[in-house]
Amino acid sequence: MEKDIGKIKRNENTDIVIRIDDFGGKRGLTIREFVNKSETGYTGFTKSGTRIPADQVQEFKRMIELLDMSDFKEESQESLPAVSENVSAGNDSDESSNSGIDEQGLM
């Protein structure tokens, strides 16, 4: 059984398709890219995407409902946290131990 829920246009050649389907005898929610046209002549699903097992769909739905759309609004450059000097100056002398992220998880 396959039931398309909807699709979102990713770009001129690719859509993101959301569907309920059976894979390996198990039902779940699949979110995958679908190529409409390509230089290679391929049209169809790509390997890019994910599958949420049926028993986890309710939890996934709960997480989506928790999204705050204000988190997706672009902020001005002035309000973004500054990048540490090692990263912004291109100093890679201690690159393996400094990821540019502080103890609070900020850059």
Protein backbone atom coordinates (compact mmCIF):
# COMPACT_ATOMS: atom_id res chain seq x y z
CA MET A 1 0.00 0.00 0.00
CA GLU A 2 1.30 3.42 -0.96
CA LYS A 3 -0.47 6.64 -0.08
CA ASP A 4 1.06 9.97 -1.04
CA ILE A 5 0.52 12.61 1.65
CA GLY A 6 2.05 15.51 -0.24
CA LYS A 7 5.12 16.99 -1.84
CA ILE A 8 7.23 20.09 -1.42
CA LYS A 9 9.16 21.62 -4.31
CA ARG A 10 12.84 21.61 -3.35
CA ASN A 11 14.14 23.13 -6.57
CA GLU A 12 13.46 23.16 -10.30
CA ASN A 13 14.25 19.46 -10.70
CA THR A 14 13.53 17.92 -7.30
CA ASP A 15 10.54 17.49 -4.99
CA ILE A 16 10.40 16.14 -1.44
CA VAL A 17 7.69 13.48 -1.31
CA ILE A 18 5.97 12.40 1.91
CA ARG A 19 4.10 9.10 1.76
CA ILE A 20 2.85 6.19 3.79
CA ASP A 21 4.15 2.92 2.41
CA ASP A 22 5.16 -0.65 3.16
CA PHE A 23 8.83 -1.56 3.08
CA GLY A 24 10.01 -5.01 4.04
CA GLY A 25 6.48 -5.84 5.13
CA LYS A 26 6.38 -2.95 7.60
CA ARG A 27 4.32 0.20 7.24
CA GLY A 28 5.85 3.61 7.86
CA LEU A 29 6.22 7.22 6.80
CA THR A 30 8.78 7.87 4.07
CA ILE A 31 10.23 11.30 3.28
CA ARG A 32 12.37 11.17 0.14
CA GLU A 33 13.62 13.26 -2.73
CA PHE A 34 12.11 12.66 -6.16
CA VAL A 35 13.99 13.82 -9.26
CA ASN A 36 11.69 15.09 -12.02
CA LYS A 37 14.43 15.42 -14.59
CA SER A 38 18.18 15.22 -14.59
CA GLU A 39 21.17 15.41 -16.90
CA THR A 40 21.43 11.61 -16.69
CA GLY A 41 17.85 11.11 -17.83
CA TYR A 42 16.85 9.58 -14.48
CA THR A 43 13.40 10.30 -13.12
CA GLY A 44 12.39 8.79 -9.79
CA PHE A 45 13.25 8.56 -6.12
CA THR A 46 16.81 9.18 -4.97
CA LYS A 47 18.52 7.53 -2.00
CA SER A 48 18.20 10.80 -0.06
CA GLY A 49 15.54 10.69 2.59
CA THR A 50 14.41 8.92 5.70
CA ARG A 51 11.82 6.45 6.91
CA ILE A 52 9.91 6.67 10.17
CA PRO A 53 8.45 3.36 11.38
CA ALA A 54 4.69 3.37 11.99
CA ASP A 55 5.16 2.98 15.74
CA GLN A 56 7.24 6.22 15.83
CA VAL A 57 4.99 8.39 13.63
CA GLN A 58 2.97 9.74 16.58
CA GLU A 59 6.19 10.89 18.30
CA PHE A 60 7.42 12.48 15.04
CA LYS A 61 4.07 14.28 14.66
CA ARG A 62 4.33 15.54 18.25
CA MET A 63 7.81 16.96 17.56
CA ILE A 64 6.63 18.71 14.39
CA GLU A 65 3.75 20.29 16.30
CA LEU A 66 6.28 21.71 18.79
CA LEU A 67 8.00 23.74 16.07
CA ASP A 68 7.91 27.49 16.60
CA MET A 69 7.76 29.22 13.22
CA SER A 70 9.55 32.26 14.63
CA ASP A 71 12.66 30.06 14.86
CA PHE A 72 12.74 29.99 11.05
CA LYS A 73 12.77 33.74 10.54
CA GLU A 74 16.09 35.11 9.36
CA GLU A 75 17.99 37.21 11.83
CA SER A 76 20.14 40.18 10.92
CA GLN A 77 23.89 39.60 10.88
CA GLU A 78 24.24 41.88 13.93
CA SER A 79 22.26 39.51 16.13
CA LEU A 80 24.23 36.39 15.18
CA PRO A 81 26.86 35.20 17.67
CA ALA A 82 30.45 36.05 16.80
CA VAL A 83 32.74 33.31 15.52
CA SER A 84 35.76 32.59 17.72
CA GLU A 85 39.02 34.24 16.67
CA ASN A 86 40.72 30.93 15.81
CA VAL A 87 38.02 30.07 13.31
CA SER A 88 37.47 33.53 11.82
CA ALA A 89 41.18 34.31 11.51
CA GLY A 90 41.84 31.00 9.80
CA ASN A 91 44.27 29.97 12.55
CA ASP A 92 44.40 26.20 12.33
CA SER A 93 47.29 25.66 14.74
CA ASP A 94 44.95 24.09 17.28
CA GLU A 95 42.22 23.03 14.86
CA SER A 96 41.80 19.49 16.21
CA SER A 97 40.91 20.66 19.72
CA ASN A 98 38.90 23.82 18.90
CA SER A 99 35.66 23.26 17.02
CA GLY A 100 34.63 26.90 17.37
CA ILE A 101 31.75 25.92 19.65
CA ASP A 102 31.80 26.98 23.30
CA GLU A 103 30.53 25.07 26.35
CA GLN A 104 27.00 26.38 25.75
CA GLY A 105 26.94 24.97 22.22
CA LEU A 106 27.34 28.39 20.59
CA MET A 107 29.85 29.41 17.98
